[in-house]
Amino acid sequence: MKSVKIGLALLLVLVMAGSIVTPAMADKPKVVDQEQPIKTGFANLKPVKPPKITKPAKKLMPTEEDWRFVKDAMYDITEEEKNRIINEAKKIYKGNSKLSNEEQTKILQTIAYYVAIATESSGNVGILWGYGTHEDMSYTAGNNLNYVTSTHMDTLKSYATWADDHRNEPTELVPWWGLNRHSWVIGDIPVPGYDNYGPDSLELYLNKARAQFDQGNVEEAYVYIGKALHYIEDLGNPFHTSSVYGQAHHTEYESWVSSHWNDLKSAMYVDEYYVITDPSEQAKSLAASSHQYLQQICDIMNTPGWENNQQLNEQLKSITRALISETMKYTMGMIVYATKFESPDTAGSNYVPIYDHQTSYVNIKDIACSNQVLAIVEIDHTYPADLEIWIGYKKTYQNTYTETKVWDHDWSSNNHITIQHYFWLTPSNYDWRLRVYDAWSGDQGKITDFYMLIG
């Protein structure tokens, strides 16, 4: 029976044309065929849910080496004052300080200030992950997704270290006297004014990017994405999950990463990304994941002569590659979160049914688009060869859609099909429409997703 359906496809489409449900529109759609590039791999990337870290983190007590590091960092106060501050801090960590809560906080803030200057200053050899690594990670995350334009990949790279030079940002979160350490502290004592701003900083700038898209400012949107990615990348670094513990090795580890980057950077090329629905909360999941490696890294670096120990260096490379790969999956997911615009008809659990001999429509209205846009269609149908599928676009002030046929009774070996199609446009705000016609009787289906990724 299916072979008969295929053989008579064209005839029955013509016969049944009168039964097609059509929307109100000024003119017949203009049909074009936009040639597709060879590389169309976004749909081949695997979207997965981020893992949940259920193992509770144990409390990590700063070592004497950490306290010596803190003492050395306090470069402009007397030896007596240094000793007083550190002795009180040790009591706070042990839980037997007799100072008031306010006084304890002041001690911890003093330490946090000097640790931030010593480890987070943009003048240091190791800048967070290490010199040049933020730029590489942000650029590669865009490149891995296969829809971000080269211009916007350059934007991500250009703003990859912006957060290092603006420690008082975002001013909506960080007090005027504080410094943003881009952290989420686990198993240590977070310091007000310095710690735990990483996840919320990320989400704030991603939401600013979304707002810029809504206002038609694609270029400015990518600037905010570039600023945001720094925070998620930092949370993939275990030293951004503690306040004092391990900070003696912070810049040492980042310098090591920078000097071994050629051996490590292949870990950036991943074939899946995490689906992000709550950037701040899911950034905390990355912090929890990376935190699991903090003590292990410190143990390696506490081993005398570790720098020249091949076995320990290979172990450190293995840990760092795992951290980089995990961080990249989150970073890519954050870009998708900021640049993805869904139809409300198929958002969440919504879907649009496909009926025999009728045309189903899904719309996305008034989306700011760059010169490259990737459309994604997801359809479940018991016999996809029944279908003809078009994607249309028009500038918001126009009446007529320009359509491209993206499926023409094509064969599929299963009942779920994913279609991706690139469009090259003059940057502007566009309306989009998916049009699906079912040419045969007896099979059922539904449109489960239709969205645009703004490159």
Protein backbone atom coordinates (compact mmCIF):
# COMPACT_ATOMS: atom_id res chain seq x y z
CA MET A 1 0.00 0.00 0.00
CA LYS A 2 2.85 2.38 0.82
CA SER A 3 4.41 1.77 -2.60
CA VAL A 4 1.14 2.79 -4.24
CA LYS A 5 1.12 5.94 -2.12
CA ILE A 6 4.60 6.85 -3.28
CA GLY A 7 3.86 6.11 -6.92
CA LEU A 8 0.74 8.28 -7.03
CA ALA A 9 2.10 11.09 -4.86
CA LEU A 10 2.16 13.84 -7.46
CA LEU A 11 -1.28 13.01 -8.89
CA LEU A 12 -3.01 13.00 -5.51
CA VAL A 13 -1.32 16.21 -4.39
CA LEU A 14 -2.88 17.89 -7.43
CA VAL A 15 -6.27 16.26 -6.90
CA MET A 16 -6.43 17.14 -3.22
CA ALA A 17 -5.06 20.66 -3.58
CA GLY A 18 -8.49 22.14 -3.05
CA SER A 19 -8.71 20.70 0.46
CA ILE A 20 -5.57 22.44 1.75
CA VAL A 21 -6.20 24.87 4.58
CA THR A 22 -4.42 28.15 3.82
CA PRO A 23 -3.80 31.20 6.02
CA ALA A 24 -4.85 34.73 5.19
CA MET A 25 -2.04 36.35 3.23
CA ALA A 26 -1.60 39.05 0.63
CA ASP A 27 0.24 37.10 -2.04
CA LYS A 28 1.32 33.62 -2.98
CA PRO A 29 4.62 32.71 -1.28
CA LYS A 30 7.77 33.20 -3.27
CA VAL A 31 9.69 29.91 -3.41
CA VAL A 32 13.48 29.94 -3.38
CA ASP A 33 16.13 27.27 -2.97
CA GLN A 34 18.97 28.46 -0.76
CA GLU A 35 22.03 26.31 -1.42
CA GLN A 36 23.21 24.63 1.77
CA PRO A 37 26.82 24.54 2.97
CA ILE A 38 28.66 21.24 3.22
CA LYS A 39 28.98 21.62 6.98
CA THR A 40 25.52 21.35 8.55
CA GLY A 41 26.33 19.66 11.81
CA PHE A 42 24.28 21.32 14.56
CA ALA A 43 21.58 18.65 14.36
CA ASN A 44 24.31 16.03 14.70
CA LEU A 45 25.36 17.44 18.05
CA LYS A 46 23.74 15.62 20.93
CA PRO A 47 21.69 17.79 23.30
CA VAL A 48 21.77 16.24 26.78
CA LYS A 49 20.67 17.19 30.26
CA PRO A 50 23.47 18.31 32.58
CA PRO A 51 24.34 15.72 35.22
CA LYS A 52 23.22 16.25 38.79
CA ILE A 53 25.98 16.05 41.39
CA THR A 54 24.35 14.35 44.38
CA LYS A 55 27.49 13.53 46.39
CA PRO A 56 27.84 16.14 49.16
CA ALA A 57 31.13 18.01 49.19
CA LYS A 58 33.24 17.57 52.30
CA LYS A 59 34.55 20.64 54.05
CA LEU A 60 38.10 21.39 52.94
CA MET A 61 40.25 23.13 55.55
CA PRO A 62 42.94 25.51 54.29
CA THR A 63 46.44 24.11 54.69
CA GLU A 64 49.43 25.86 56.22
CA GLU A 65 50.62 26.39 52.67
CA ASP A 66 47.36 28.23 51.90
CA TRP A 67 47.79 30.45 54.96
CA ARG A 68 51.37 31.25 54.00
CA PHE A 69 50.10 32.22 50.57
CA VAL A 70 47.49 34.50 52.13
CA LYS A 71 50.09 36.07 54.39
CA ASP A 72 52.42 36.76 51.47
CA ALA A 73 49.52 38.26 49.51
CA MET A 74 48.91 40.89 52.20
CA TYR A 75 51.70 43.03 50.85
CA ASP A 76 50.89 46.41 52.39
CA ILE A 77 50.17 45.68 56.07
CA THR A 78 52.44 45.01 59.03
CA GLU A 79 53.65 41.57 60.04
CA GLU A 80 51.80 41.89 63.32
CA GLU A 81 48.52 42.67 61.57
CA LYS A 82 49.03 39.81 59.12
CA ASN A 83 49.47 37.34 61.99
CA ARG A 84 46.42 38.69 63.81
CA ILE A 85 44.19 38.35 60.74
CA ILE A 86 45.37 34.84 59.88
CA ASN A 87 45.11 33.59 63.48
CA GLU A 88 41.54 34.86 63.69
CA ALA A 89 40.73 33.36 60.29
CA LYS A 90 41.97 29.95 61.47
CA LYS A 91 39.65 30.18 64.47
CA ILE A 92 36.75 31.07 62.18
CA TYR A 93 37.42 28.00 60.04
CA LYS A 94 37.66 25.79 63.14
CA GLY A 95 34.43 27.26 64.49
CA ASN A 96 35.85 28.58 67.77
CA SER A 97 36.21 32.30 67.03
CA LYS A 98 34.95 34.59 69.77
CA LEU A 99 34.50 37.51 67.40
CA SER A 100 31.04 38.75 66.47
CA ASN A 101 29.60 37.69 63.12
CA GLU A 102 30.26 41.17 61.78
CA GLU A 103 33.90 41.05 62.90
CA GLN A 104 34.35 37.58 61.44
CA THR A 105 32.98 38.75 58.11
CA LYS A 106 35.40 41.69 58.13
CA ILE A 107 38.36 39.32 58.69
CA LEU A 108 37.26 37.06 55.83
CA GLN A 109 36.68 40.04 53.53
CA THR A 110 40.20 41.29 54.19
CA ILE A 111 41.60 37.89 53.24
CA ALA A 112 39.33 37.64 50.20
CA TYR A 113 40.51 41.03 48.96
CA TYR A 114 44.17 40.06 49.02
CA VAL A 115 43.56 36.60 47.59
CA ALA A 116 41.57 38.18 44.75
CA ILE A 117 44.40 40.62 44.02
CA ALA A 118 46.94 37.78 44.08
CA THR A 119 45.01 35.28 41.96
CA GLU A 120 42.54 37.19 39.82
CA SER A 121 44.47 40.27 38.72
CA SER A 122 44.57 40.53 34.92
CA GLY A 123 48.28 41.32 35.22
CA ASN A 124 49.15 37.83 36.45
CA VAL A 125 50.71 35.14 34.29
CA GLY A 126 47.74 32.87 34.88
CA ILE A 127 44.52 34.65 34.03
CA LEU A 128 41.83 32.39 35.45
CA TRP A 129 42.11 29.34 33.20
CA GLY A 130 45.42 30.61 31.83
CA TYR A 131 46.57 33.10 29.24
CA GLY A 132 44.62 32.78 25.99
CA THR A 133 42.45 29.89 27.10
CA HIS A 134 39.27 31.89 27.66
CA GLU A 135 39.57 33.28 24.15
CA ASP A 136 40.07 29.81 22.69
CA MET A 137 37.20 28.29 24.67
CA SER A 138 34.67 30.99 23.79
CA TYR A 139 35.62 31.01 20.11
CA THR A 140 35.62 27.21 19.87
CA ALA A 141 32.26 26.90 21.63
CA GLY A 142 30.74 29.04 18.90
CA ASN A 143 32.57 27.14 16.20
CA ASN A 144 31.47 23.75 17.57
CA LEU A 145 27.82 24.74 17.24
CA ASN A 146 28.14 25.23 13.47
CA TYR A 147 25.74 28.17 13.22
CA VAL A 148 27.55 31.10 14.83
CA THR A 149 29.06 33.39 12.19
CA SER A 150 32.80 33.98 12.09
CA THR A 151 32.16 37.63 12.95
CA HIS A 152 30.28 36.68 16.09
CA MET A 153 32.84 34.03 17.02
CA ASP A 154 35.36 36.87 16.93
CA THR A 155 33.05 38.89 19.19
CA LEU A 156 32.92 36.03 21.70
CA LYS A 157 36.70 35.86 21.62
CA SER A 158 37.13 39.63 21.97
CA TYR A 159 35.00 39.77 25.11
CA ALA A 160 36.26 36.51 26.63
CA THR A 161 38.44 38.30 29.20
CA TRP A 162 36.27 41.38 29.73
CA ALA A 163 35.19 40.12 33.16
CA ASP A 164 38.82 39.99 34.32
CA ASP A 165 39.21 43.71 33.78
CA HIS A 166 35.84 44.58 35.33
CA ARG A 167 35.88 42.94 38.76
CA ASN A 168 33.26 45.39 40.02
CA GLU A 169 30.78 44.08 37.45
CA PRO A 170 27.95 43.43 37.26
CA THR A 171 27.14 46.41 39.44
CA GLU A 172 23.63 45.02 39.89
CA LEU A 173 25.21 42.29 42.06
CA VAL A 174 28.65 43.37 43.30
CA PRO A 175 28.84 46.09 45.99
CA TRP A 176 30.99 49.12 45.13
CA TRP A 177 33.69 48.02 47.57
CA GLY A 178 33.73 44.37 46.49
CA LEU A 179 35.48 42.28 43.84
CA ASN A 180 33.76 39.59 41.79
CA ARG A 181 35.82 36.40 42.07
CA HIS A 182 33.56 34.62 39.54
CA SER A 183 33.05 31.85 42.06
CA TRP A 184 30.57 29.44 43.53
CA VAL A 185 32.08 28.27 46.81
CA ILE A 186 31.60 24.65 47.86
CA GLY A 187 33.01 23.09 51.04
CA ASP A 188 34.53 26.43 52.11
CA ILE A 189 33.30 29.73 53.54
CA PRO A 190 31.96 32.14 50.88
CA VAL A 191 32.84 35.77 51.57
CA PRO A 192 30.16 38.46 51.05
CA GLY A 193 31.22 41.03 48.48
CA TYR A 194 33.63 38.61 46.80
CA ASP A 195 32.19 35.12 46.40
CA ASN A 196 29.23 33.36 44.81
CA TYR A 197 28.57 35.94 42.09
CA GLY A 198 29.61 33.64 39.24
CA PRO A 199 26.27 31.92 38.46
CA ASP A 200 24.14 35.06 38.77
CA SER A 201 26.62 37.14 36.73
CA LEU A 202 26.35 34.58 33.95
CA GLU A 203 22.56 34.61 33.94
CA LEU A 204 22.33 38.38 34.14
CA TYR A 205 24.44 38.89 31.00
CA LEU A 206 22.70 36.10 29.10
CA ASN A 207 19.36 37.72 29.86
CA LYS A 208 20.76 41.07 28.72
CA ALA A 209 21.73 39.34 25.48
CA ARG A 210 18.17 38.03 25.08
CA ALA A 211 16.85 41.54 25.71
CA GLN A 212 19.14 42.91 22.99
CA PHE A 213 17.80 40.32 20.54
CA ASP A 214 14.28 41.41 21.46
CA GLN A 215 15.26 45.00 20.67
CA GLY A 216 16.74 44.03 17.31
CA ASN A 217 20.39 44.49 18.35
CA VAL A 218 22.11 41.27 17.30
CA GLU A 219 25.65 42.68 17.53
CA GLU A 220 25.14 43.96 21.07
CA ALA A 221 23.51 40.65 22.02
CA TYR A 222 26.68 38.78 21.10
CA VAL A 223 28.76 41.25 23.14
CA TYR A 224 26.73 40.30 26.21
CA ILE A 225 27.06 36.60 25.40
CA GLY A 226 30.83 37.08 25.18
CA LYS A 227 30.84 38.71 28.61
CA ALA A 228 28.65 35.97 30.07
CA LEU A 229 30.69 32.99 28.88
CA HIS A 230 33.67 33.99 31.01
CA TYR A 231 31.73 33.16 34.18
CA ILE A 232 30.67 29.67 33.14
CA GLU A 233 34.20 28.92 31.96
CA ASP A 234 35.58 30.02 35.33
CA LEU A 235 33.19 27.75 37.20
CA GLY A 236 34.71 24.85 35.28
CA ASN A 237 37.98 25.68 37.03
CA PRO A 238 38.05 24.04 40.50
CA PHE A 239 39.88 27.00 42.04
CA HIS A 240 36.74 29.08 41.53
CA THR A 241 34.84 26.78 43.89
CA SER A 242 36.80 27.63 47.05
CA SER A 243 37.55 30.75 49.05
CA VAL A 244 40.91 29.93 50.70
CA TYR A 245 41.55 26.20 50.33
CA GLY A 246 43.92 25.50 47.44
CA GLN A 247 44.41 29.15 46.52
CA ALA A 248 48.15 28.71 47.06
CA HIS A 249 48.07 26.70 43.81
CA HIS A 250 45.56 28.83 41.88
CA THR A 251 47.91 30.82 39.66
CA GLU A 252 50.38 27.92 39.58
CA TYR A 253 47.73 25.63 38.10
CA GLU A 254 46.60 28.22 35.58
CA SER A 255 50.17 28.89 34.50
CA TRP A 256 50.61 25.14 34.05
CA VAL A 257 47.42 25.00 31.94
CA SER A 258 48.65 27.86 29.79
CA SER A 259 52.07 26.29 29.21
CA HIS A 260 50.50 22.90 28.33
CA TRP A 261 47.60 24.29 26.30
CA ASN A 262 48.71 22.66 23.05
CA ASP A 263 48.39 19.26 24.74
CA LEU A 264 45.03 20.11 26.30
CA LYS A 265 43.04 22.12 23.79
CA SER A 266 41.79 19.11 21.81
CA ALA A 267 39.42 18.53 24.76
CA MET A 268 37.43 21.56 23.57
CA TYR A 269 36.09 19.69 20.54
CA VAL A 270 33.04 17.94 21.94
CA ASP A 271 30.07 16.47 20.06
CA GLU A 272 27.35 17.27 22.58
CA TYR A 273 26.11 20.25 24.54
CA TYR A 274 24.01 20.63 27.68
CA VAL A 275 20.44 21.86 27.36
CA ILE A 276 20.20 24.94 29.54
CA THR A 277 16.90 26.00 31.07
CA ASP A 278 18.16 27.78 34.20
CA PRO A 279 21.64 29.25 33.61
CA SER A 280 22.41 30.18 37.21
CA GLU A 281 21.36 26.87 38.75
CA GLN A 282 23.00 24.80 36.04
CA ALA A 283 26.21 26.83 36.41
CA LYS A 284 26.25 25.68 40.03
CA SER A 285 26.10 22.11 38.75
CA LEU A 286 29.28 22.72 36.75
CA ALA A 287 30.92 24.18 39.85
CA ALA A 288 29.95 21.08 41.83
CA SER A 289 31.38 18.89 39.09
CA SER A 290 34.68 20.74 38.85
CA HIS A 291 35.00 21.00 42.63
CA GLN A 292 35.38 17.23 42.83
CA TYR A 293 38.85 17.61 41.30
CA LEU A 294 40.13 20.41 43.54
CA GLN A 295 41.73 18.31 46.27
CA GLN A 296 43.18 15.92 43.70
CA ILE A 297 44.88 18.78 41.84
CA CYS A 298 46.20 20.23 45.10
CA ASP A 299 47.53 16.83 46.18
CA ILE A 300 49.48 16.57 42.93
CA MET A 301 50.90 20.06 43.31
CA ASN A 302 51.81 19.42 46.94
CA THR A 303 54.02 16.51 45.86
CA PRO A 304 57.70 17.55 45.87
CA GLY A 305 59.12 17.61 42.36
CA TRP A 306 55.73 17.13 40.70
CA GLU A 307 56.68 19.49 37.88
CA ASN A 308 59.21 16.98 36.54
CA ASN A 309 57.20 13.86 37.38
CA GLN A 310 55.80 12.53 34.09
CA GLN A 311 53.19 10.32 35.75
CA LEU A 312 51.78 13.20 37.82
CA ASN A 313 51.80 15.53 34.82
CA GLU A 314 49.87 12.99 32.75
CA GLN A 315 47.40 12.61 35.61
CA LEU A 316 46.98 16.37 35.76
CA LYS A 317 46.49 16.52 31.99
CA SER A 318 43.78 13.85 32.21
CA ILE A 319 41.95 15.78 34.93
CA THR A 320 42.24 19.06 33.04
CA ARG A 321 41.00 17.57 29.77
CA ALA A 322 37.94 16.24 31.59
CA LEU A 323 37.33 19.69 33.10
CA ILE A 324 37.72 21.43 29.73
CA SER A 325 35.33 19.05 27.95
CA GLU A 326 32.68 19.39 30.64
CA THR A 327 33.05 23.17 30.65
CA MET A 328 32.70 23.33 26.88
CA LYS A 329 29.39 21.43 26.98
CA TYR A 330 28.02 24.03 29.38
CA THR A 331 29.51 26.92 27.41
CA MET A 332 27.94 25.72 24.17
CA GLY A 333 24.63 25.23 25.96
CA MET A 334 24.74 28.81 27.23
CA ILE A 335 25.19 30.11 23.68
CA VAL A 336 22.21 28.05 22.50
CA TYR A 337 20.16 29.33 25.45
CA ALA A 338 20.86 32.94 24.47
CA THR A 339 20.39 32.57 20.70
CA LYS A 340 17.48 30.12 20.46
CA PHE A 341 14.01 31.46 19.66
CA GLU A 342 11.15 28.96 19.70
CA SER A 343 7.65 29.09 18.39
CA PRO A 344 5.17 29.25 21.27
CA ASP A 345 3.17 26.67 19.32
CA THR A 346 5.83 24.02 20.00
CA ALA A 347 7.58 25.35 23.13
CA GLY A 348 7.77 22.97 26.07
CA SER A 349 5.28 20.15 25.67
CA ASN A 350 3.23 22.00 23.04
CA TYR A 351 2.87 20.52 19.58
CA VAL A 352 0.92 21.07 16.38
CA PRO A 353 -0.95 18.04 14.95
CA ILE A 354 -0.55 16.97 11.32
CA TYR A 355 -3.78 15.87 9.63
CA ASP A 356 -4.33 13.98 6.37
CA HIS A 357 -4.65 16.24 3.30
CA GLN A 358 -4.29 19.40 5.36
CA THR A 359 -1.55 21.93 5.94
CA SER A 360 -0.27 22.63 9.44
CA TYR A 361 1.40 25.91 10.36
CA VAL A 362 3.84 26.96 13.05
CA ASN A 363 4.88 30.60 13.43
CA ILE A 364 7.65 32.61 15.05
CA LYS A 365 7.07 36.35 15.05
CA ASP A 366 9.44 39.32 15.05
CA ILE A 367 12.87 37.78 15.60
CA ALA A 368 16.05 39.84 15.19
CA CYS A 369 18.25 37.92 12.75
CA SER A 370 21.87 38.18 11.71
CA ASN A 371 23.03 37.35 8.20
CA GLN A 372 23.03 33.64 9.09
CA VAL A 373 20.14 31.84 10.76
CA LEU A 374 19.70 28.12 11.33
CA ALA A 375 16.14 26.78 11.37
CA ILE A 376 15.45 23.51 13.19
CA VAL A 377 12.31 21.41 12.68
CA GLU A 378 11.36 18.33 14.70
CA ILE A 379 8.49 16.14 13.51
CA ASP A 380 7.04 12.80 14.60
CA HIS A 381 5.06 11.03 11.88
CA THR A 382 4.21 7.39 11.25
CA TYR A 383 5.22 7.76 7.58
CA PRO A 384 7.37 10.86 6.91
CA ALA A 385 7.39 10.20 3.15
CA ASP A 386 3.81 11.53 3.14
CA LEU A 387 5.03 15.02 3.93
CA GLU A 388 5.98 18.18 2.09
CA ILE A 389 7.63 20.82 4.28
CA TRP A 390 8.44 24.48 3.64
CA ILE A 391 10.12 27.12 5.78
CA GLY A 392 9.19 30.71 5.01
CA TYR A 393 10.45 34.08 6.19
CA LYS A 394 9.58 37.73 5.67
CA LYS A 395 10.60 41.02 7.17
CA THR A 396 8.07 42.03 9.78
CA TYR A 397 6.68 44.88 7.66
CA GLN A 398 6.23 42.68 4.57
CA ASN A 399 3.13 40.71 3.60
CA THR A 400 4.61 37.85 1.60
CA TYR A 401 6.71 34.94 2.82
CA THR A 402 9.70 33.72 0.85
CA GLU A 403 9.66 29.94 1.13
CA THR A 404 12.19 27.15 0.76
CA LYS A 405 11.09 23.54 0.42
CA VAL A 406 13.10 21.49 2.89
CA TRP A 407 11.32 18.11 2.65
CA ASP A 408 9.66 16.60 -0.41
CA HIS A 409 8.28 13.14 0.35
CA ASP A 410 11.77 12.11 1.44
CA TRP A 411 12.36 8.69 2.87
CA SER A 412 13.14 8.26 6.57
CA SER A 413 13.99 5.00 8.31
CA ASN A 414 12.23 6.04 11.51
CA ASN A 415 9.22 8.03 12.63
CA HIS A 416 11.14 11.02 13.95
CA ILE A 417 12.78 13.48 11.59
CA THR A 418 15.00 16.45 12.31
CA ILE A 419 15.49 19.05 9.60
CA GLN A 420 18.05 21.83 9.78
CA HIS A 421 18.30 24.55 7.17
CA TYR A 422 20.58 27.58 6.96
CA PHE A 423 19.32 30.93 5.73
CA TRP A 424 21.48 33.86 4.64
CA LEU A 425 19.66 37.13 5.10
CA THR A 426 19.99 40.86 5.27
CA PRO A 427 20.10 41.52 9.04
CA SER A 428 16.69 42.69 10.20
CA ASN A 429 13.67 41.53 12.19
CA TYR A 430 11.84 38.64 10.53
CA ASP A 431 8.68 36.58 10.89
CA TRP A 432 9.08 32.84 10.25
CA ARG A 433 6.58 30.21 9.24
CA LEU A 434 6.76 26.43 9.01
CA ARG A 435 4.28 24.87 6.58
CA VAL A 436 3.71 21.10 6.58
CA TYR A 437 1.37 19.35 4.14
CA ASP A 438 0.35 15.69 4.58
CA ALA A 439 -0.44 14.37 1.09
CA TRP A 440 -1.77 10.92 2.05
CA SER A 441 -4.38 9.27 4.22
CA GLY A 442 -3.92 6.79 7.01
CA ASP A 443 -0.86 8.06 8.89
CA GLN A 444 -0.58 10.49 11.77
CA GLY A 445 1.94 12.95 13.08
CA LYS A 446 2.76 16.15 14.91
CA ILE A 447 5.24 19.03 14.78
CA THR A 448 7.10 18.90 18.08
CA ASP A 449 9.60 21.73 17.62
CA PHE A 450 10.32 24.71 15.40
CA TYR A 451 12.98 27.19 16.41
CA MET A 452 15.63 29.55 15.10
CA LEU A 453 19.26 29.81 16.14
CA ILE A 454 20.62 33.28 15.47
CA GLY A 455 24.20 33.07 14.23
